C-alpha atoms as a PDB file:
ATOM      1  CA  MET A   1     -22.721 -22.417  -1.821  1.00  0.00           C
ATOM      2  CA  PRO A   2     -19.070 -22.825  -1.467  1.00  0.00           C
ATOM      3  CA  ARG A   3     -16.958 -22.014   1.457  1.00  0.00           C
ATOM      4  CA  TYR A   4     -13.222 -21.039   1.519  1.00  0.00           C
ATOM      5  CA  ARG A   5     -11.475 -21.373   4.792  1.00  0.00           C
ATOM      6  CA  LEU A   6      -8.323 -18.614   5.689  1.00  0.00           C
ATOM      7  CA  ASP A   7      -5.023 -19.945   5.758  1.00  0.00           C
ATOM      8  CA  PRO A   8      -2.599 -17.057   6.517  1.00  0.00           C
ATOM      9  CA  THR A   9       1.200 -16.885   7.440  1.00  0.00           C
ATOM     10  CA  PRO A  10       2.053 -15.146  10.669  1.00  0.00           C
ATOM     11  CA  GLU A  11       2.936 -12.251   8.685  1.00  0.00           C
ATOM     12  CA  GLN A  12      -0.254 -12.330   6.808  1.00  0.00           C
ATOM     13  CA  GLU A  13      -2.256 -12.624   9.895  1.00  0.00           C
ATOM     14  CA  GLN A  14      -0.784  -9.759  11.353  1.00  0.00           C
ATOM     15  CA  ALA A  15      -1.673  -7.722   8.119  1.00  0.00           C
ATOM     16  CA  LEU A  16      -5.202  -8.691   8.823  1.00  0.00           C
ATOM     17  CA  LEU A  17      -5.009  -8.163  12.253  1.00  0.00           C
ATOM     18  CA  TRP A  18      -4.164  -4.535  12.191  1.00  0.00           C
ATOM     19  CA  HIS A  19      -6.572  -3.855   9.331  1.00  0.00           C
ATOM     20  CA  CYS A  20      -9.231  -5.179  11.161  1.00  0.00           C
ATOM     21  CA  ALA A  21      -8.354  -2.768  14.438  1.00  0.00           C
ATOM     22  CA  HIS A  22      -7.949   0.275  11.854  1.00  0.00           C
ATOM     23  CA  ALA A  23     -11.272  -0.371  10.682  1.00  0.00           C
ATOM     24  CA  ARG A  24     -12.816  -0.871  14.003  1.00  0.00           C
ATOM     25  CA  TYR A  25     -11.052   2.452  14.987  1.00  0.00           C
ATOM     26  CA  VAL A  26     -12.243   4.410  12.154  1.00  0.00           C
ATOM     27  CA  TRP A  27     -16.167   2.586  12.378  1.00  0.00           C
ATOM     28  CA  ASN A  28     -16.132   3.744  16.251  1.00  0.00           C
ATOM     29  CA  LEU A  29     -15.406   7.129  15.634  1.00  0.00           C
ATOM     30  CA  ALA A  30     -18.062   7.063  12.784  1.00  0.00           C
ATOM     31  CA  VAL A  31     -20.557   5.482  15.159  1.00  0.00           C
ATOM     32  CA  GLU A  32     -19.366   8.310  17.893  1.00  0.00           C
ATOM     33  CA  GLN A  33     -19.566  11.418  15.897  1.00  0.00           C
ATOM     34  CA  HIS A  34     -23.488  10.363  14.479  1.00  0.00           C
ATOM     35  CA  GLY A  35     -24.393   9.703  18.374  1.00  0.00           C
ATOM     36  CA  PHE A  36     -23.210  13.055  19.038  1.00  0.00           C
ATOM     37  CA  TRP A  37     -25.088  14.906  16.540  1.00  0.00           C
ATOM     38  CA  SER A  38     -28.602  15.780  17.436  1.00  0.00           C
ATOM     39  CA  ARG A  39     -31.436  17.669  15.522  1.00  0.00           C
ATOM     40  CA  TYR A  40     -30.457  20.921  17.950  1.00  0.00           C
ATOM     41  CA  ARG A  41     -26.657  20.862  16.993  1.00  0.00           C
ATOM     42  CA  GLY A  42     -27.313  19.944  13.474  1.00  0.00           C
ATOM     43  CA  GLY A  43     -26.810  16.543  11.156  1.00  0.00           C
ATOM     44  CA  ALA A  44     -23.911  14.388  11.497  1.00  0.00           C
ATOM     45  CA  PRO A  45     -20.867  14.909   8.550  1.00  0.00           C
ATOM     46  CA  GLY A  46     -22.056  13.243   5.663  1.00  0.00           C
ATOM     47  CA  TYR A  47     -19.990  10.578   3.783  1.00  0.00           C
ATOM     48  CA  THR A  48     -17.335  13.801   1.935  1.00  0.00           C
ATOM     49  CA  GLU A  49     -17.285  15.248   5.138  1.00  0.00           C
ATOM     50  CA  GLN A  50     -15.559  12.042   6.835  1.00  0.00           C
ATOM     51  CA  SER A  51     -13.743  11.147   4.156  1.00  0.00           C
ATOM     52  CA  ARG A  52     -11.985  14.311   4.348  1.00  0.00           C
ATOM     53  CA  GLN A  53     -11.901  13.988   8.017  1.00  0.00           C
ATOM     54  CA  LEU A  54     -10.093  10.779   7.532  1.00  0.00           C
ATOM     55  CA  THR A  55      -7.499  12.265   4.927  1.00  0.00           C
ATOM     56  CA  ALA A  56      -6.611  14.629   7.569  1.00  0.00           C
ATOM     57  CA  ALA A  57      -6.226  12.141  10.217  1.00  0.00           C
ATOM     58  CA  ARG A  58      -4.334   9.510   8.139  1.00  0.00           C
ATOM     59  CA  ALA A  59      -2.002  12.845   7.222  1.00  0.00           C
ATOM     60  CA  GLU A  60      -1.321  13.279  10.938  1.00  0.00           C
ATOM     61  CA  PHE A  61      -0.853   9.512  12.424  1.00  0.00           C
ATOM     62  CA  GLU A  62       1.860   7.459  10.904  1.00  0.00           C
ATOM     63  CA  TRP A  63      -0.136   4.274  12.445  1.00  0.00           C
ATOM     64  CA  LEU A  64      -3.455   5.036  10.942  1.00  0.00           C
ATOM     65  CA  ARG A  65      -1.570   5.855   7.613  1.00  0.00           C
ATOM     66  CA  ALA A  66       0.606   2.664   7.474  1.00  0.00           C
ATOM     67  CA  GLY A  67      -2.629   0.700   7.090  1.00  0.00           C
ATOM     68  CA  SER A  68      -5.324   0.134   4.287  1.00  0.00           C
ATOM     69  CA  GLN A  69      -6.919   3.069   2.344  1.00  0.00           C
ATOM     70  CA  THR A  70     -10.067   0.961   1.882  1.00  0.00           C
ATOM     71  CA  VAL A  71     -10.880   1.607   6.235  1.00  0.00           C
END
């Protein structure tokens, strides 16, 4: 099994840190959404609805829009 090691430049390292921060933020929002919904409130939003919400959030918040679209 091959092993790889990243050796980013300081600029690349900062970009990776921002990407991870954005991904973690979006992940935590999705977990919070699913924790809020119950069988009494109906089902949690599915992939398509969450994708729409993420697109709307990226349109509203510049810091999220500046990051990778693949988060």
